[in-house]
Amino acid sequence: MTQLGIATVIPTAEQLDLRTKANLQRLARQIGFRTPQTLLVGDADELRRVHSQLTFPLFVKGPYYGAKLVTNLEEALTAFHATAAEWGFPIILQACVDGIEREERNVVALGDGRGGLLGAVAMKKLAVTDKGKGWAGITIRHPELITLAERFVRATSWRGPFELEVVLAPDGTLYVIEINPRFPAWIYLAAAAGINLPQRAVAIAIGAEPAATSDYHVGTMFIRTALDQIADVADLEKIVMNGEWRRSLEGGRP
């Protein structure tokens, strides 16, 4: 990539594999954080036998994406086949943490590749979509969440962005449910709160060494909105036929 003039800030293939959904429970034991009980299943017969280890409700997850909350075996089988068809195997079954439903705390952070953090911002989801994605959130002060991020980069020497998805049990125990190897869709919240992590990632990629910082403004919020885009059907036809639409430089209609 360097020979092509492309600079990147990404983890190694081995580091990526450490935090996959399938390996998350093993990583939790190595680093010393908690994660909900997780089972890997390769066929429907295995799924039918999970009652002895996991109870409903539970989440059915794909190896790369997708999480469906199911409350009985019939729903689990439906989710199993749909997820396998879309994302392949193994299918991950993850227990629910009692009493919290989908209330989450998230941390977005940037690892320097040497075991240190260049910045991290913690956020609480205030509204979510039907897929559990954040539609509104607010930055919070939660030292334990930042400590989890520090522990992760220290153990893996992670280089680049990542997101911890964490749920809070009624007794205050933190459970990591996923570690995503990227900036989340809500990343602008971190910059708005005072830590521009994408800018720091670019700095690392081009060989600079930005200073680490942990200070951000608590109480910064984001709320997504829907916007109606008005256009002429002729514009849509140009995009469909030509793959692009260009505005005329001479004024008037394109």
Protein backbone atom coordinates (compact mmCIF):
# COMPACT_ATOMS: atom_id res chain seq x y z
CA MET A 1 0.00 0.00 0.00
CA THR A 2 2.86 2.38 0.79
CA GLN A 3 4.35 1.81 -2.68
CA LEU A 4 1.03 2.96 -4.14
CA GLY A 5 1.08 6.11 -2.06
CA ILE A 6 -1.72 4.91 0.21
CA ALA A 7 -1.28 5.40 3.95
CA THR A 8 -3.29 3.29 6.38
CA VAL A 9 -3.76 2.84 10.10
CA ILE A 10 -5.14 -0.66 10.57
CA PRO A 11 -4.52 -3.64 12.85
CA THR A 12 -2.92 -6.87 11.71
CA ALA A 13 -4.93 -9.91 10.59
CA GLU A 14 -4.00 -11.63 13.85
CA GLN A 15 -5.27 -8.70 15.91
CA LEU A 16 -8.52 -8.63 13.93
CA ASP A 17 -9.05 -12.31 14.63
CA LEU A 18 -8.55 -11.87 18.39
CA ARG A 19 -11.69 -9.71 18.78
CA THR A 20 -14.12 -11.51 16.47
CA LYS A 21 -17.48 -12.52 17.92
CA ALA A 22 -16.39 -16.15 17.81
CA ASN A 23 -13.22 -15.43 19.84
CA LEU A 24 -14.54 -12.73 22.17
CA GLN A 25 -15.10 -15.06 25.12
CA ARG A 26 -11.54 -16.38 24.87
CA LEU A 27 -10.16 -12.83 24.70
CA ALA A 28 -12.24 -11.89 27.75
CA ARG A 29 -10.59 -14.64 29.79
CA GLN A 30 -7.12 -13.58 28.63
CA ILE A 31 -7.53 -9.88 29.33
CA GLY A 32 -9.80 -10.10 32.35
CA PHE A 33 -13.09 -8.53 31.36
CA ARG A 34 -16.59 -9.99 31.35
CA THR A 35 -18.66 -10.98 28.34
CA PRO A 36 -22.04 -12.76 28.20
CA GLN A 37 -21.90 -16.54 27.86
CA THR A 38 -21.40 -17.39 24.20
CA LEU A 39 -21.78 -20.59 22.17
CA LEU A 40 -20.88 -21.33 18.55
CA VAL A 41 -23.21 -23.56 16.55
CA GLY A 42 -22.72 -25.01 13.09
CA ASP A 43 -26.09 -26.57 12.38
CA ALA A 44 -29.71 -26.56 13.51
CA ASP A 45 -29.32 -29.74 15.57
CA GLU A 46 -26.68 -28.05 17.72
CA LEU A 47 -29.04 -25.12 18.17
CA ARG A 48 -31.80 -27.41 19.43
CA ARG A 49 -29.46 -28.71 22.15
CA VAL A 50 -28.46 -25.35 23.65
CA HIS A 51 -31.14 -25.44 26.37
CA SER A 52 -28.77 -27.15 28.77
CA GLN A 53 -26.29 -24.24 28.55
CA LEU A 54 -28.23 -21.14 27.54
CA THR A 55 -31.75 -19.98 28.32
CA PHE A 56 -34.04 -17.71 26.35
CA PRO A 57 -34.07 -14.88 25.55
CA LEU A 58 -30.73 -14.82 23.74
CA PHE A 59 -29.11 -13.19 20.73
CA VAL A 60 -28.43 -14.98 17.44
CA LYS A 61 -25.46 -13.32 15.71
CA GLY A 62 -23.61 -13.74 12.45
CA PRO A 63 -19.82 -14.04 12.36
CA TYR A 64 -19.45 -10.52 10.93
CA TYR A 65 -22.74 -8.67 11.40
CA GLY A 66 -26.29 -8.98 12.63
CA ALA A 67 -27.90 -9.60 16.01
CA LYS A 68 -31.45 -10.90 16.48
CA LEU A 69 -33.07 -11.20 19.90
CA VAL A 70 -35.09 -14.43 20.13
CA THR A 71 -37.36 -15.62 22.93
CA ASN A 72 -37.95 -19.28 21.99
CA LEU A 73 -36.59 -22.14 19.89
CA GLU A 74 -38.83 -21.45 16.90
CA GLU A 75 -37.64 -17.84 16.68
CA ALA A 76 -34.05 -19.02 17.18
CA LEU A 77 -34.28 -21.49 14.28
CA THR A 78 -35.73 -18.82 12.00
CA ALA A 79 -32.99 -16.38 12.95
CA PHE A 80 -30.37 -19.12 12.60
CA HIS A 81 -31.28 -19.92 8.99
CA ALA A 82 -31.68 -16.27 7.99
CA THR A 83 -28.35 -15.27 9.53
CA ALA A 84 -26.50 -18.25 8.06
CA ALA A 85 -27.86 -17.50 4.59
CA GLU A 86 -26.68 -13.90 4.82
CA TRP A 87 -23.43 -14.15 6.78
CA GLY A 88 -22.35 -17.79 6.85
CA PHE A 89 -20.99 -19.80 9.79
CA PRO A 90 -20.38 -20.13 12.65
CA ILE A 91 -23.56 -18.76 14.16
CA ILE A 92 -23.00 -17.16 17.55
CA LEU A 93 -25.50 -17.53 20.39
CA GLN A 94 -25.02 -14.95 23.13
CA ALA A 95 -26.84 -14.83 26.45
CA CYS A 96 -28.67 -11.69 27.56
CA VAL A 97 -27.44 -9.85 30.61
CA ASP A 98 -30.33 -9.91 33.06
CA GLY A 99 -32.26 -6.72 33.54
CA ILE A 100 -30.73 -4.42 30.94
CA GLU A 101 -32.48 -5.28 27.65
CA ARG A 102 -30.58 -3.25 25.00
CA GLU A 103 -29.38 -0.33 27.11
CA GLU A 104 -25.74 0.15 26.16
CA ARG A 105 -22.61 2.09 26.89
CA ASN A 106 -20.12 2.47 24.04
CA VAL A 107 -16.51 3.56 23.83
CA VAL A 108 -14.78 4.73 20.66
CA ALA A 109 -11.00 4.84 20.83
CA LEU A 110 -7.78 4.89 18.84
CA GLY A 111 -4.82 2.62 19.57
CA ASP A 112 -1.26 3.72 18.75
CA GLY A 113 -0.01 0.22 17.90
CA ARG A 114 2.33 0.15 20.88
CA GLY A 115 -0.18 -0.63 23.60
CA GLY A 116 -1.32 2.92 24.27
CA LEU A 117 -4.48 4.96 23.69
CA LEU A 118 -4.38 8.20 21.74
CA GLY A 119 -7.89 9.06 22.88
CA ALA A 120 -11.19 7.54 23.93
CA VAL A 121 -14.75 8.83 24.36
CA ALA A 122 -17.56 7.06 26.23
CA MET A 123 -21.17 7.41 25.17
CA LYS A 124 -24.59 6.26 26.41
CA LYS A 125 -27.23 5.41 23.82
CA LEU A 126 -30.46 7.34 24.36
CA ALA A 127 -32.39 5.94 21.39
CA VAL A 128 -31.75 2.95 19.14
CA THR A 129 -33.09 1.52 15.89
CA ASP A 130 -34.74 -1.89 15.60
CA LYS A 131 -31.25 -3.29 14.98
CA GLY A 132 -29.89 -1.74 18.16
CA LYS A 133 -27.94 0.99 16.35
CA GLY A 134 -27.60 4.31 18.10
CA TRP A 135 -30.01 7.01 16.89
CA ALA A 136 -29.25 9.40 19.75
CA GLY A 137 -26.58 9.43 22.42
CA ILE A 138 -24.71 11.51 24.96
CA THR A 139 -21.10 11.56 26.11
CA ILE A 140 -20.63 10.38 29.69
CA ARG A 141 -17.84 10.18 32.24
CA HIS A 142 -17.24 6.51 32.99
CA PRO A 143 -13.64 5.68 34.02
CA GLU A 144 -14.29 1.92 34.00
CA LEU A 145 -15.23 2.04 30.32
CA ILE A 146 -12.03 3.88 29.45
CA THR A 147 -10.09 1.34 31.52
CA LEU A 148 -11.58 -1.46 29.41
CA ALA A 149 -10.32 0.27 26.27
CA GLU A 150 -6.88 0.73 27.82
CA ARG A 151 -6.76 -2.91 28.83
CA PHE A 152 -7.70 -4.02 25.33
CA VAL A 153 -4.99 -2.01 23.54
CA ARG A 154 -2.39 -2.92 26.15
CA ALA A 155 -3.02 -6.63 25.63
CA THR A 156 -3.29 -6.54 21.82
CA SER A 157 -1.09 -3.55 20.81
CA TRP A 158 -4.03 -2.52 18.64
CA ARG A 159 -3.26 -0.02 15.89
CA GLY A 160 -6.16 2.03 14.64
CA PRO A 161 -9.77 2.74 15.61
CA PHE A 162 -12.08 0.44 17.53
CA GLU A 163 -15.40 0.51 19.37
CA LEU A 164 -16.38 -1.38 22.50
CA GLU A 165 -20.07 -2.20 22.86
CA VAL A 166 -20.79 -2.72 26.54
CA VAL A 167 -23.91 -3.42 28.60
CA LEU A 168 -24.35 -2.70 32.27
CA ALA A 169 -25.82 -5.28 34.64
CA PRO A 170 -28.08 -4.10 37.51
CA ASP A 171 -25.19 -4.57 39.94
CA GLY A 172 -22.96 -2.30 37.85
CA THR A 173 -20.91 -5.08 36.25
CA LEU A 174 -19.75 -4.28 32.71
CA TYR A 175 -20.15 -6.89 29.98
CA VAL A 176 -18.43 -6.42 26.63
CA ILE A 177 -20.74 -7.75 23.91
CA GLU A 178 -18.72 -6.76 20.82
CA ILE A 179 -15.43 -5.15 19.80
CA ASN A 180 -15.73 -3.50 16.39
CA PRO A 181 -12.50 -2.83 14.42
CA ARG A 182 -13.57 0.56 13.08
CA PHE A 183 -14.97 3.96 13.93
CA PRO A 184 -18.74 3.79 14.56
CA ALA A 185 -21.34 5.81 12.65
CA TRP A 186 -21.57 8.20 15.63
CA ILE A 187 -17.85 9.08 15.51
CA TYR A 188 -18.53 12.79 14.94
CA LEU A 189 -19.80 12.92 18.54
CA ALA A 190 -16.22 12.34 19.72
CA ALA A 191 -14.92 15.25 17.65
CA ALA A 192 -17.79 17.46 18.84
CA ALA A 193 -16.89 16.57 22.42
CA GLY A 194 -13.29 17.64 21.92
CA ILE A 195 -11.30 14.60 20.72
CA ASN A 196 -11.07 14.37 16.92
CA LEU A 197 -10.11 10.71 16.59
CA PRO A 198 -10.31 10.48 12.75
CA GLN A 199 -7.90 13.41 12.50
CA ARG A 200 -5.50 11.60 14.83
CA ALA A 201 -5.85 8.42 12.77
CA VAL A 202 -4.82 10.33 9.65
CA ALA A 203 -1.85 11.77 11.55
CA ILE A 204 -0.67 8.27 12.50
CA ALA A 205 -1.10 7.05 8.94
CA ILE A 206 1.20 9.75 7.53
CA GLY A 207 3.86 9.13 10.18
CA ALA A 208 3.09 11.82 12.74
CA GLU A 209 2.83 11.16 16.47
CA PRO A 210 -0.15 13.05 17.91
CA ALA A 211 -0.24 13.51 21.66
CA ALA A 212 -2.59 11.33 23.67
CA THR A 213 -5.49 13.03 25.42
CA SER A 214 -8.36 11.84 27.57
CA ASP A 215 -10.20 15.13 28.16
CA TYR A 216 -13.56 15.56 26.46
CA HIS A 217 -16.77 17.43 27.20
CA VAL A 218 -19.37 15.39 29.06
CA GLY A 219 -22.97 16.03 28.04
CA THR A 220 -22.42 16.46 24.30
CA MET A 221 -25.34 14.89 22.45
CA PHE A 222 -26.18 13.73 18.96
CA ILE A 223 -29.61 13.06 17.47
CA ARG A 224 -30.05 11.75 13.93
CA THR A 225 -32.72 13.28 11.74
CA ALA A 226 -34.36 12.38 8.42
CA LEU A 227 -34.12 14.81 5.51
CA ASP A 228 -36.39 14.90 2.44
CA GLN A 229 -34.30 15.38 -0.72
CA ILE A 230 -36.25 17.01 -3.57
CA ALA A 231 -35.18 16.23 -7.15
CA ASP A 232 -36.49 15.85 -10.67
CA VAL A 233 -37.08 12.37 -12.06
CA ALA A 234 -34.80 13.24 -14.97
CA ASP A 235 -31.91 13.54 -12.53
CA LEU A 236 -32.60 10.04 -11.22
CA GLU A 237 -32.70 8.73 -14.80
CA LYS A 238 -29.21 10.15 -15.43
CA ILE A 239 -27.85 8.46 -12.30
CA VAL A 240 -29.40 5.11 -13.28
CA MET A 241 -28.27 5.30 -16.92
CA ASN A 242 -24.85 6.93 -16.51
CA GLY A 243 -23.91 6.11 -12.93
CA GLU A 244 -23.44 9.80 -12.16
CA TRP A 245 -25.13 13.19 -12.22
CA ARG A 246 -23.32 16.45 -12.88
CA ARG A 247 -24.52 19.99 -12.36
CA SER A 248 -23.97 22.35 -15.26
CA LEU A 249 -21.30 25.01 -14.66
CA GLU A 250 -23.18 27.48 -16.83
CA GLY A 251 -26.17 27.80 -14.51
CA GLY A 252 -29.71 26.71 -15.08
CA ARG A 253 -30.77 23.10 -14.94
CA PRO A 254 -28.05 20.46 -15.28
